[in-house]
C-alpha atoms as a PDB file:
ATOM      1  CA  MET A   1     -17.647 -21.255   4.802  1.00  0.00           C
ATOM      2  CA  GLU A   2     -14.562 -21.968   6.942  1.00  0.00           C
ATOM      3  CA  THR A   3     -12.703 -18.889   7.956  1.00  0.00           C
ATOM      4  CA  LYS A   4      -8.897 -18.812   7.886  1.00  0.00           C
ATOM      5  CA  ASP A   5      -6.649 -15.946   8.939  1.00  0.00           C
ATOM      6  CA  GLY A   6      -4.434 -14.511   6.348  1.00  0.00           C
ATOM      7  CA  PHE A   7      -4.332 -12.295   3.315  1.00  0.00           C
ATOM      8  CA  LEU A   8      -6.084 -12.240   0.017  1.00  0.00           C
ATOM      9  CA  VAL A   9      -4.570 -10.327  -2.966  1.00  0.00           C
ATOM     10  CA  ILE A  10      -7.587  -9.186  -4.908  1.00  0.00           C
ATOM     11  CA  ASN A  11      -7.151  -7.891  -8.470  1.00  0.00           C
ATOM     12  CA  LYS A  12      -9.682  -5.152  -8.393  1.00  0.00           C
ATOM     13  CA  ASP A  13     -11.735  -4.187 -11.426  1.00  0.00           C
ATOM     14  CA  LYS A  14     -12.540  -0.554 -12.496  1.00  0.00           C
ATOM     15  CA  GLY A  15     -15.589   0.882 -10.938  1.00  0.00           C
ATOM     16  CA  CYS A  16     -15.349  -1.206  -7.745  1.00  0.00           C
ATOM     17  CA  THR A  17     -14.493   0.579  -4.534  1.00  0.00           C
ATOM     18  CA  SER A  18     -12.104  -0.795  -1.906  1.00  0.00           C
ATOM     19  CA  HIS A  19     -15.061  -0.921   0.567  1.00  0.00           C
ATOM     20  CA  ASP A  20     -17.115  -2.953  -2.048  1.00  0.00           C
ATOM     21  CA  CYS A  21     -14.260  -5.531  -2.152  1.00  0.00           C
ATOM     22  CA  VAL A  22     -14.205  -5.800   1.607  1.00  0.00           C
ATOM     23  CA  LYS A  23     -17.984  -6.196   1.758  1.00  0.00           C
ATOM     24  CA  GLN A  24     -17.897  -8.982  -0.796  1.00  0.00           C
ATOM     25  CA  ILE A  25     -15.105 -10.846   1.028  1.00  0.00           C
ATOM     26  CA  ARG A  26     -17.043 -10.502   4.354  1.00  0.00           C
ATOM     27  CA  LYS A  27     -19.996 -12.245   2.680  1.00  0.00           C
ATOM     28  CA  LEU A  28     -18.016 -14.947   0.917  1.00  0.00           C
ATOM     29  CA  PHE A  29     -16.090 -15.931   4.123  1.00  0.00           C
ATOM     30  CA  ASN A  30     -18.939 -15.148   6.510  1.00  0.00           C
ATOM     31  CA  THR A  31     -16.756 -13.074   8.791  1.00  0.00           C
ATOM     32  CA  LYS A  32     -16.843  -9.485   9.857  1.00  0.00           C
ATOM     33  CA  LYS A  33     -13.213  -9.203  10.568  1.00  0.00           C
ATOM     34  CA  VAL A  34     -11.984  -8.120   7.169  1.00  0.00           C
ATOM     35  CA  GLY A  35      -9.945  -4.965   6.127  1.00  0.00           C
ATOM     36  CA  HIS A  36      -7.888  -3.709   3.317  1.00  0.00           C
ATOM     37  CA  THR A  37      -4.246  -2.412   3.393  1.00  0.00           C
ATOM     38  CA  GLY A  38      -4.958   0.988   1.757  1.00  0.00           C
ATOM     39  CA  THR A  39      -7.718   2.448  -0.448  1.00  0.00           C
ATOM     40  CA  LEU A  40      -7.585   2.045  -4.214  1.00  0.00           C
ATOM     41  CA  ASP A  41      -9.643   4.527  -6.072  1.00  0.00           C
ATOM     42  CA  PRO A  42     -12.652   3.127  -7.929  1.00  0.00           C
ATOM     43  CA  GLU A  43     -11.202   4.043 -11.370  1.00  0.00           C
ATOM     44  CA  VAL A  44      -7.855   2.430 -10.544  1.00  0.00           C
ATOM     45  CA  ILE A  45      -7.426  -1.223 -11.328  1.00  0.00           C
ATOM     46  CA  GLY A  46      -4.874  -3.686  -9.881  1.00  0.00           C
ATOM     47  CA  ILE A  47      -4.089  -5.357  -6.590  1.00  0.00           C
ATOM     48  CA  LEU A  48      -5.797  -4.630  -3.278  1.00  0.00           C
ATOM     49  CA  PRO A  49      -4.398  -6.819  -0.367  1.00  0.00           C
ATOM     50  CA  ILE A  50      -7.190  -7.747   2.022  1.00  0.00           C
ATOM     51  CA  ALA A  51      -6.646  -9.007   5.593  1.00  0.00           C
ATOM     52  CA  ILE A  52      -8.919 -11.709   7.096  1.00  0.00           C
ATOM     53  CA  GLY A  53      -9.289 -12.449  10.773  1.00  0.00           C
ATOM     54  CA  SER A  54      -6.234 -11.783  12.958  1.00  0.00           C
ATOM     55  CA  ALA A  55      -4.316 -10.680   9.817  1.00  0.00           C
ATOM     56  CA  THR A  56      -5.951  -7.327  10.270  1.00  0.00           C
ATOM     57  CA  ARG A  57      -3.737  -6.764  13.288  1.00  0.00           C
ATOM     58  CA  PHE A  58      -0.612  -7.222  11.133  1.00  0.00           C
ATOM     59  CA  ILE A  59      -1.463  -4.714   8.365  1.00  0.00           C
ATOM     60  CA  GLN A  60       0.774  -2.028   9.916  1.00  0.00           C
ATOM     61  CA  TYR A  61       3.734  -4.449   9.863  1.00  0.00           C
ATOM     62  CA  LEU A  62       3.643  -5.127   6.116  1.00  0.00           C
ATOM     63  CA  PRO A  63       6.004  -3.393   3.673  1.00  0.00           C
ATOM     64  CA  GLN A  64       4.605  -0.050   2.814  1.00  0.00           C
ATOM     65  CA  GLY A  65       5.951   0.441  -0.729  1.00  0.00           C
ATOM     66  CA  LYS A  66       3.626   0.309  -3.806  1.00  0.00           C
ATOM     67  CA  THR A  67       4.204   0.065  -7.598  1.00  0.00           C
ATOM     68  CA  TYR A  68       2.068   1.481 -10.331  1.00  0.00           C
ATOM     69  CA  ILE A  69       1.945   1.771 -14.048  1.00  0.00           C
ATOM     70  CA  GLY A  70       0.150   4.861 -15.218  1.00  0.00           C
ATOM     71  CA  GLN A  71      -0.625   7.153 -18.127  1.00  0.00           C
ATOM     72  CA  ILE A  72      -0.438  10.911 -17.882  1.00  0.00           C
ATOM     73  CA  LYS A  73      -2.416  13.058 -20.393  1.00  0.00           C
ATOM     74  CA  LEU A  74      -0.824  16.413 -21.030  1.00  0.00           C
ATOM     75  CA  GLY A  75      -2.744  19.433 -22.067  1.00  0.00           C
ATOM     76  CA  ILE A  76      -5.744  18.945 -19.692  1.00  0.00           C
ATOM     77  CA  ARG A  77      -6.188  20.103 -16.074  1.00  0.00           C
ATOM     78  CA  THR A  78      -9.215  18.951 -14.060  1.00  0.00           C
ATOM     79  CA  ASN A  79     -10.579  19.553 -10.656  1.00  0.00           C
ATOM     80  CA  THR A  80      -9.815  16.014  -9.524  1.00  0.00           C
ATOM     81  CA  ASP A  81      -6.349  15.758 -11.264  1.00  0.00           C
ATOM     82  CA  ASP A  82      -7.530  12.801 -13.255  1.00  0.00           C
ATOM     83  CA  ILE A  83      -9.425  12.423 -16.606  1.00  0.00           C
ATOM     84  CA  HIS A  84     -12.716  11.759 -14.808  1.00  0.00           C
ATOM     85  CA  GLY A  85     -12.992  15.220 -13.342  1.00  0.00           C
ATOM     86  CA  GLU A  86     -14.316  18.501 -14.664  1.00  0.00           C
ATOM     87  CA  ILE A  87     -11.908  20.156 -17.123  1.00  0.00           C
ATOM     88  CA  ILE A  88     -10.822  23.522 -15.786  1.00  0.00           C
ATOM     89  CA  ASN A  89      -8.075  24.360 -18.242  1.00  0.00           C
ATOM     90  CA  GLN A  90      -6.496  23.187 -21.511  1.00  0.00           C
ATOM     91  CA  LYS A  91      -3.121  24.030 -22.955  1.00  0.00           C
ATOM     92  CA  SER A  92      -0.856  22.641 -25.560  1.00  0.00           C
ATOM     93  CA  TRP A  93       2.130  20.562 -24.672  1.00  0.00           C
ATOM     94  CA  PRO A  94       5.756  20.955 -25.900  1.00  0.00           C
ATOM     95  CA  GLU A  95       7.569  19.004 -28.425  1.00  0.00           C
ATOM     96  CA  ILE A  96      10.107  17.143 -26.357  1.00  0.00           C
ATOM     97  CA  SER A  97      12.464  14.136 -26.732  1.00  0.00           C
ATOM     98  CA  ASP A  98      12.335  11.021 -24.554  1.00  0.00           C
ATOM     99  CA  ALA A  99      15.666  11.962 -23.067  1.00  0.00           C
ATOM    100  CA  LYS A 100      14.654  15.427 -22.185  1.00  0.00           C
ATOM    101  CA  LEU A 101      11.367  14.267 -20.696  1.00  0.00           C
ATOM    102  CA  ASP A 102      13.187  11.800 -18.575  1.00  0.00           C
ATOM    103  CA  GLN A 103      15.339  14.722 -17.241  1.00  0.00           C
ATOM    104  CA  TYR A 104      12.133  16.486 -16.096  1.00  0.00           C
ATOM    105  CA  LEU A 105      11.118  13.394 -14.309  1.00  0.00           C
ATOM    106  CA  ASN A 106      14.244  13.637 -12.143  1.00  0.00           C
ATOM    107  CA  ARG A 107      12.248  16.359 -10.207  1.00  0.00           C
ATOM    108  CA  PHE A 108      10.011  13.575  -8.852  1.00  0.00           C
ATOM    109  CA  ARG A 109      12.630  10.990  -8.011  1.00  0.00           C
ATOM    110  CA  GLY A 110      13.871  10.562  -4.502  1.00  0.00           C
ATOM    111  CA  ILE A 111      12.380  12.355  -1.435  1.00  0.00           C
ATOM    112  CA  ILE A 112       9.936  15.164  -2.499  1.00  0.00           C
ATOM    113  CA  LYS A 113       7.184  17.222  -1.154  1.00  0.00           C
ATOM    114  CA  GLN A 114       3.804  16.815  -2.778  1.00  0.00           C
ATOM    115  CA  ILE A 115       0.438  18.600  -2.488  1.00  0.00           C
ATOM    116  CA  PRO A 116      -2.430  15.988  -2.466  1.00  0.00           C
ATOM    117  CA  PRO A 117      -5.372  16.411  -4.893  1.00  0.00           C
ATOM    118  CA  LYS A 118      -8.294  18.442  -3.463  1.00  0.00           C
ATOM    119  CA  VAL A 119     -10.537  15.330  -3.793  1.00  0.00           C
ATOM    120  CA  SER A 120      -8.143  13.230  -1.722  1.00  0.00           C
ATOM    121  CA  SER A 121      -9.037  11.652   1.690  1.00  0.00           C
ATOM    122  CA  VAL A 122      -6.500  13.822   3.578  1.00  0.00           C
ATOM    123  CA  HIS A 123      -7.937  15.388   6.672  1.00  0.00           C
ATOM    124  CA  VAL A 124      -8.543  19.179   6.762  1.00  0.00           C
ATOM    125  CA  ASN A 125      -9.651  20.411  10.212  1.00  0.00           C
ATOM    126  CA  GLY A 126     -11.059  16.946  11.000  1.00  0.00           C
ATOM    127  CA  GLU A 127     -12.860  16.512   7.724  1.00  0.00           C
ATOM    128  CA  ARG A 128     -11.853  14.675   4.517  1.00  0.00           C
ATOM    129  CA  ALA A 129     -10.698  17.001   1.748  1.00  0.00           C
ATOM    130  CA  TYR A 130     -12.859  15.561  -0.871  1.00  0.00           C
ATOM    131  CA  LYS A 131     -15.978  16.377   1.113  1.00  0.00           C
ATOM    132  CA  LYS A 132     -14.984  20.137   1.208  1.00  0.00           C
ATOM    133  CA  SER A 133     -14.148  19.903  -2.449  1.00  0.00           C
ATOM    134  CA  PHE A 134     -17.608  18.527  -3.302  1.00  0.00           C
ATOM    135  CA  ARG A 135     -19.197  21.487  -1.455  1.00  0.00           C
ATOM    136  CA  ASN A 136     -16.941  23.735  -3.592  1.00  0.00           C
ATOM    137  CA  GLU A 137     -15.272  25.216  -0.437  1.00  0.00           C
ATOM    138  CA  VAL A 138     -12.020  27.101  -0.854  1.00  0.00           C
ATOM    139  CA  PHE A 139      -9.094  25.532   1.076  1.00  0.00           C
ATOM    140  CA  GLU A 140      -5.481  24.744   0.679  1.00  0.00           C
ATOM    141  CA  LEU A 141      -3.625  21.458   1.406  1.00  0.00           C
ATOM    142  CA  ALA A 142      -0.132  21.562   2.832  1.00  0.00           C
ATOM    143  CA  PRO A 143       2.676  19.761   0.988  1.00  0.00           C
ATOM    144  CA  ARG A 144       3.483  16.258   2.338  1.00  0.00           C
ATOM    145  CA  GLU A 145       6.880  14.473   2.083  1.00  0.00           C
ATOM    146  CA  ILE A 146       6.850  11.241   0.047  1.00  0.00           C
ATOM    147  CA  LYS A 147       9.494   8.997  -1.444  1.00  0.00           C
ATOM    148  CA  ILE A 148       9.782   8.017  -5.131  1.00  0.00           C
ATOM    149  CA  ASP A 149      12.132   4.945  -5.167  1.00  0.00           C
ATOM    150  CA  GLU A 150      11.876   4.320  -8.762  1.00  0.00           C
ATOM    151  CA  LEU A 151      10.345   6.333 -11.709  1.00  0.00           C
ATOM    152  CA  THR A 152      10.783   4.877 -15.246  1.00  0.00           C
ATOM    153  CA  LEU A 153       9.573   6.493 -18.475  1.00  0.00           C
ATOM    154  CA  MET A 154       8.158   3.576 -20.400  1.00  0.00           C
ATOM    155  CA  LYS A 155       6.510   5.412 -23.438  1.00  0.00           C
ATOM    156  CA  TRP A 156       6.095   8.945 -24.728  1.00  0.00           C
ATOM    157  CA  ASP A 157       3.397   9.538 -27.226  1.00  0.00           C
ATOM    158  CA  GLN A 158       4.233  12.974 -28.648  1.00  0.00           C
ATOM    159  CA  ILE A 159       1.145  13.134 -30.955  1.00  0.00           C
ATOM    160  CA  ASN A 160      -1.439  12.487 -28.318  1.00  0.00           C
ATOM    161  CA  GLY A 161       0.464  13.888 -25.385  1.00  0.00           C
ATOM    162  CA  ILE A 162       0.451  10.725 -23.337  1.00  0.00           C
ATOM    163  CA  ILE A 163       3.202   9.652 -21.043  1.00  0.00           C
ATOM    164  CA  GLU A 164       3.402   6.121 -19.658  1.00  0.00           C
ATOM    165  CA  ILE A 165       5.426   5.642 -16.463  1.00  0.00           C
ATOM    166  CA  LYS A 166       6.269   2.943 -13.860  1.00  0.00           C
ATOM    167  CA  ILE A 167       6.597   4.233 -10.390  1.00  0.00           C
ATOM    168  CA  LYS A 168       7.622   2.585  -7.151  1.00  0.00           C
ATOM    169  CA  CYS A 169       6.691   4.833  -4.251  1.00  0.00           C
ATOM    170  CA  SER A 170       6.065   5.200  -0.493  1.00  0.00           C
ATOM    171  CA  ALA A 171       2.523   4.981   0.982  1.00  0.00           C
ATOM    172  CA  GLY A 172       0.720   8.291   0.745  1.00  0.00           C
ATOM    173  CA  THR A 173       1.951   9.116  -2.766  1.00  0.00           C
ATOM    174  CA  TYR A 174      -0.631  10.499  -5.129  1.00  0.00           C
ATOM    175  CA  ILE A 175       0.000   9.687  -8.814  1.00  0.00           C
ATOM    176  CA  ARG A 176      -2.617  12.290  -9.731  1.00  0.00           C
ATOM    177  CA  SER A 177      -0.549  14.918  -8.138  1.00  0.00           C
ATOM    178  CA  ILE A 178       2.559  13.887 -10.157  1.00  0.00           C
ATOM    179  CA  ALA A 179       0.484  14.135 -13.351  1.00  0.00           C
ATOM    180  CA  ARG A 180      -0.697  17.604 -12.358  1.00  0.00           C
ATOM    181  CA  ASP A 181       2.767  18.845 -11.430  1.00  0.00           C
ATOM    182  CA  LEU A 182       4.532  17.333 -14.347  1.00  0.00           C
ATOM    183  CA  GLY A 183       2.089  19.180 -16.686  1.00  0.00           C
ATOM    184  CA  GLY A 184       2.964  22.471 -14.906  1.00  0.00           C
ATOM    185  CA  ILE A 185       6.736  21.831 -15.119  1.00  0.00           C
ATOM    186  CA  LEU A 186       6.362  21.264 -18.817  1.00  0.00           C
ATOM    187  CA  ASN A 187       4.492  24.580 -19.215  1.00  0.00           C
ATOM    188  CA  SER A 188       1.357  22.730 -19.997  1.00  0.00           C
ATOM    189  CA  GLU A 189      -1.346  21.009 -17.931  1.00  0.00           C
ATOM    190  CA  GLY A 190      -1.612  17.373 -16.838  1.00  0.00           C
ATOM    191  CA  CYS A 191      -3.982  14.843 -15.409  1.00  0.00           C
ATOM    192  CA  LEU A 192      -3.879  11.112 -14.760  1.00  0.00           C
ATOM    193  CA  LEU A 193      -5.449   9.223 -17.699  1.00  0.00           C
ATOM    194  CA  GLN A 194      -5.319   5.659 -16.196  1.00  0.00           C
ATOM    195  CA  LEU A 195      -3.570   3.799 -13.426  1.00  0.00           C
ATOM    196  CA  LYS A 196      -2.875   0.273 -12.427  1.00  0.00           C
ATOM    197  CA  ARG A 197      -1.355  -0.924  -9.171  1.00  0.00           C
ATOM    198  CA  ILE A 198       0.937  -3.942  -9.730  1.00  0.00           C
ATOM    199  CA  SER A 199       2.379  -4.342  -6.245  1.00  0.00           C
ATOM    200  CA  ALA A 200       1.573  -3.241  -2.695  1.00  0.00           C
ATOM    201  CA  CYS A 201       2.556  -4.257   0.787  1.00  0.00           C
ATOM    202  CA  GLY A 202       4.872  -6.976  -0.316  1.00  0.00           C
ATOM    203  CA  PHE A 203       2.411  -8.672  -2.667  1.00  0.00           C
ATOM    204  CA  ASP A 204       2.268  -8.417  -6.456  1.00  0.00           C
ATOM    205  CA  GLU A 205      -0.208  -9.208  -9.277  1.00  0.00           C
ATOM    206  CA  GLN A 206       1.366 -12.642  -9.999  1.00  0.00           C
ATOM    207  CA  ASN A 207      -0.337 -13.759  -6.702  1.00  0.00           C
ATOM    208  CA  SER A 208      -3.561 -11.832  -7.254  1.00  0.00           C
ATOM    209  CA  ILE A 209      -7.046 -13.300  -7.849  1.00  0.00           C
ATOM    210  CA  LYS A 210     -10.398 -11.954  -8.956  1.00  0.00           C
ATOM    211  CA  ILE A 211     -13.318 -12.070  -6.559  1.00  0.00           C
ATOM    212  CA  SER A 212     -15.097 -14.048  -9.222  1.00  0.00           C
ATOM    213  CA  ASP A 213     -12.421 -16.728  -8.877  1.00  0.00           C
ATOM    214  CA  ILE A 214     -13.358 -17.205  -5.100  1.00  0.00           C
ATOM    215  CA  GLU A 215     -17.091 -17.242  -6.066  1.00  0.00           C
ATOM    216  CA  GLU A 216     -16.530 -19.961  -8.612  1.00  0.00           C
ATOM    217  CA  ASP A 217     -14.602 -22.136  -6.230  1.00  0.00           C
ATOM    218  CA  LYS A 218     -16.132 -21.552  -2.871  1.00  0.00           C
ATOM    219  CA  LYS A 219     -15.283 -25.032  -1.580  1.00  0.00           C
ATOM    220  CA  ASN A 220     -11.562 -24.295  -1.912  1.00  0.00           C
ATOM    221  CA  SER A 221     -11.657 -20.671  -1.103  1.00  0.00           C
ATOM    222  CA  LYS A 222      -9.280 -20.969   1.907  1.00  0.00           C
ATOM    223  CA  ASN A 223      -6.632 -22.124  -0.488  1.00  0.00           C
ATOM    224  CA  PHE A 224      -6.505 -18.591  -1.922  1.00  0.00           C
ATOM    225  CA  ILE A 225      -5.451 -17.122   1.495  1.00  0.00           C
ATOM    226  CA  ILE A 226      -1.784 -16.367   2.068  1.00  0.00           C
ATOM    227  CA  PRO A 227      -0.685 -17.281   5.609  1.00  0.00           C
ATOM    228  CA  ILE A 228       0.166 -14.263   7.854  1.00  0.00           C
ATOM    229  CA  ILE A 229       3.706 -15.400   8.468  1.00  0.00           C
ATOM    230  CA  SER A 230       4.424 -15.603   4.666  1.00  0.00           C
ATOM    231  CA  ALA A 231       3.614 -11.902   4.492  1.00  0.00           C
ATOM    232  CA  LEU A 232       6.345 -11.050   7.081  1.00  0.00           C
ATOM    233  CA  ASN A 233       9.423 -12.374   5.378  1.00  0.00           C
ATOM    234  CA  HIS A 234      10.888  -8.826   5.291  1.00  0.00           C
ATOM    235  CA  ILE A 235      11.296  -8.689   9.023  1.00  0.00           C
ATOM    236  CA  SER A 236      13.696 -10.426  11.412  1.00  0.00           C
ATOM    237  CA  THR A 237      12.635 -13.547  13.320  1.00  0.00           C
ATOM    238  CA  PHE A 238      13.008 -14.521  16.938  1.00  0.00           C
ATOM    239  CA  VAL A 239      12.411 -18.109  18.064  1.00  0.00           C
ATOM    240  CA  LEU A 240      11.057 -19.130  21.438  1.00  0.00           C
ATOM    241  CA  ASN A 241      12.515 -22.518  22.341  1.00  0.00           C
ATOM    242  CA  ASN A 242      10.669 -23.677  25.334  1.00  0.00           C
ATOM    243  CA  GLU A 243       7.199 -23.574  27.018  1.00  0.00           C
ATOM    244  CA  GLU A 244       8.333 -21.133  29.742  1.00  0.00           C
ATOM    245  CA  GLU A 245       9.274 -18.579  27.132  1.00  0.00           C
ATOM    246  CA  ILE A 246       6.011 -19.098  25.269  1.00  0.00           C
ATOM    247  CA  ASN A 247       4.110 -18.690  28.577  1.00  0.00           C
ATOM    248  CA  PHE A 248       5.989 -15.479  29.171  1.00  0.00           C
ATOM    249  CA  TRP A 249       5.150 -14.317  25.747  1.00  0.00           C
ATOM    250  CA  GLN A 250       1.483 -15.147  25.977  1.00  0.00           C
ATOM    251  CA  THR A 251       1.251 -13.386  29.236  1.00  0.00           C
ATOM    252  CA  GLY A 252       2.832 -10.111  27.896  1.00  0.00           C
ATOM    253  CA  ARG A 253       6.088 -10.397  29.709  1.00  0.00           C
ATOM    254  CA  ALA A 254       9.555  -9.432  28.271  1.00  0.00           C
ATOM    255  CA  ILE A 255      11.870 -12.275  27.296  1.00  0.00           C
ATOM    256  CA  LYS A 256      15.690 -12.191  27.802  1.00  0.00           C
ATOM    257  CA  VAL A 257      17.342 -12.175  24.376  1.00  0.00           C
ATOM    258  CA  ASP A 258      19.894 -14.810  23.188  1.00  0.00           C
ATOM    259  CA  ILE A 259      21.277 -13.712  19.931  1.00  0.00           C
ATOM    260  CA  ASN A 260      21.509 -17.305  18.857  1.00  0.00           C
ATOM    261  CA  CYS A 261      17.704 -17.358  18.745  1.00  0.00           C
ATOM    262  CA  PHE A 262      17.602 -14.887  15.939  1.00  0.00           C
ATOM    263  CA  GLU A 263      17.408 -16.644  12.533  1.00  0.00           C
ATOM    264  CA  GLU A 264      19.628 -14.051  11.011  1.00  0.00           C
ATOM    265  CA  SER A 265      22.832 -13.078  12.899  1.00  0.00           C
ATOM    266  CA  LYS A 266      23.039  -9.393  12.230  1.00  0.00           C
ATOM    267  CA  SER A 267      22.837  -6.103  14.028  1.00  0.00           C
ATOM    268  CA  PHE A 268      19.299  -5.165  14.960  1.00  0.00           C
ATOM    269  CA  ASP A 269      17.597  -1.812  15.076  1.00  0.00           C
ATOM    270  CA  TYR A 270      15.517  -1.994  18.272  1.00  0.00           C
ATOM    271  CA  LYS A 271      12.947   0.369  16.643  1.00  0.00           C
ATOM    272  CA  LYS A 272      12.069  -2.172  14.027  1.00  0.00           C
ATOM    273  CA  PRO A 273       9.452  -5.031  14.561  1.00  0.00           C
ATOM    274  CA  ILE A 274      10.479  -8.678  14.924  1.00  0.00           C
ATOM    275  CA  LYS A 275       8.173 -11.607  14.287  1.00  0.00           C
ATOM    276  CA  VAL A 276       8.179 -14.099  17.049  1.00  0.00           C
ATOM    277  CA  ILE A 277       7.709 -17.885  16.253  1.00  0.00           C
ATOM    278  CA  ASP A 278       8.071 -21.213  18.066  1.00  0.00           C
ATOM    279  CA  LYS A 279      10.230 -24.115  17.046  1.00  0.00           C
ATOM    280  CA  LYS A 280       7.473 -25.405  14.734  1.00  0.00           C
ATOM    281  CA  GLU A 281       7.517 -22.055  12.971  1.00  0.00           C
ATOM    282  CA  THR A 282       4.096 -21.129  14.265  1.00  0.00           C
ATOM    283  CA  LEU A 283       3.623 -17.341  14.388  1.00  0.00           C
ATOM    284  CA  LEU A 284       3.196 -16.021  17.944  1.00  0.00           C
ATOM    285  CA  GLY A 285       3.141 -12.286  17.331  1.00  0.00           C
ATOM    286  CA  ILE A 286       5.304  -9.208  17.003  1.00  0.00           C
ATOM    287  CA  GLY A 287       7.907  -7.914  19.422  1.00  0.00           C
ATOM    288  CA  PHE A 288      10.419  -5.076  19.759  1.00  0.00           C
ATOM    289  CA  LEU A 289      13.924  -5.050  21.340  1.00  0.00           C
ATOM    290  CA  ASN A 290      14.686  -2.708  24.228  1.00  0.00           C
ATOM    291  CA  LYS A 291      17.452  -0.078  23.715  1.00  0.00           C
ATOM    292  CA  ASP A 292      20.103  -2.338  25.209  1.00  0.00           C
ATOM    293  CA  GLN A 293      18.971  -5.186  22.907  1.00  0.00           C
ATOM    294  CA  THR A 294      18.847  -7.485  25.976  1.00  0.00           C
ATOM    295  CA  PHE A 295      15.037  -8.144  26.114  1.00  0.00           C
ATOM    296  CA  ILE A 296      12.262  -8.432  23.513  1.00  0.00           C
ATOM    297  CA  ASN A 297       9.001  -6.901  24.617  1.00  0.00           C
ATOM    298  CA  PRO A 298       5.704  -8.220  23.315  1.00  0.00           C
ATOM    299  CA  LYS A 299       3.725  -5.791  21.123  1.00  0.00           C
ATOM    300  CA  LEU A 300       1.237  -7.977  19.340  1.00  0.00           C
ATOM    301  CA  VAL A 301       0.450 -11.263  20.919  1.00  0.00           C
ATOM    302  CA  LEU A 302      -1.609 -14.077  19.369  1.00  0.00           C
ATOM    303  CA  ASN A 303      -3.450 -16.359  21.720  1.00  0.00           C
ATOM    304  CA  ALA A 304      -2.723 -14.076  24.658  1.00  0.00           C
ATOM    305  CA  LYS A 305      -3.589 -15.420  28.100  1.00  0.00           C
END
């Protein structure tokens, strides 16, 4: 099967690990250079963007925000902070209105500090936390700063103690921790009942496919791949206009900046990445401006010489 660089937006099924998805894509496209943009737990369904070929080099430049729809079950605390763990405590939940519950959710909106679940992949003294947890070791995790851009109360089932939320958040956010902490704030317990990721890294479920879709249409499999440049619409663009500039770029040399070569005339933050293209709109790589905004320095160069 012909390999093409770019991104696949996989709609992952429950029970499948992120590594399983990568392994299947490697086999389908007969290439080893495959990576995902961030682990999705086996019990979580939804989109898992996967990079193929040189697209793996651009993962760090994708948008980092993610959006989920989840259900929180009040009254139960588990050792994994989700419904699949061992129950360690049970407690009744309060009778509360939608409006009052939404007020409690304010504590999770904006920039907050969050303690990851004990079974997370956070490193503790050079080892993943979940490995220590599985050995029943006693340890503490430090709070980490995250950002909740949007948190919407979609449904409150008072009888069954189930809260449905939609949450748009930064990378590194644990919805299981929100479930656990919300239960505590309500003088009850809480754990994650189910979770679906509907957007990640600039991709959403409307553009997603099942791995089975690729298997059923192997001849046209490359048509499922989203070009790298299409995934970089969120960052500014710099155009190289002649062969000399392109040669400078491909040999890793800084290029003098002409503000007219930027597709958008606006002020630039030199700390932010810029995609570099030629006049045919072929992607050449990623660069950064110097502090004086007089030169663009190559950072990621495709077809380097």
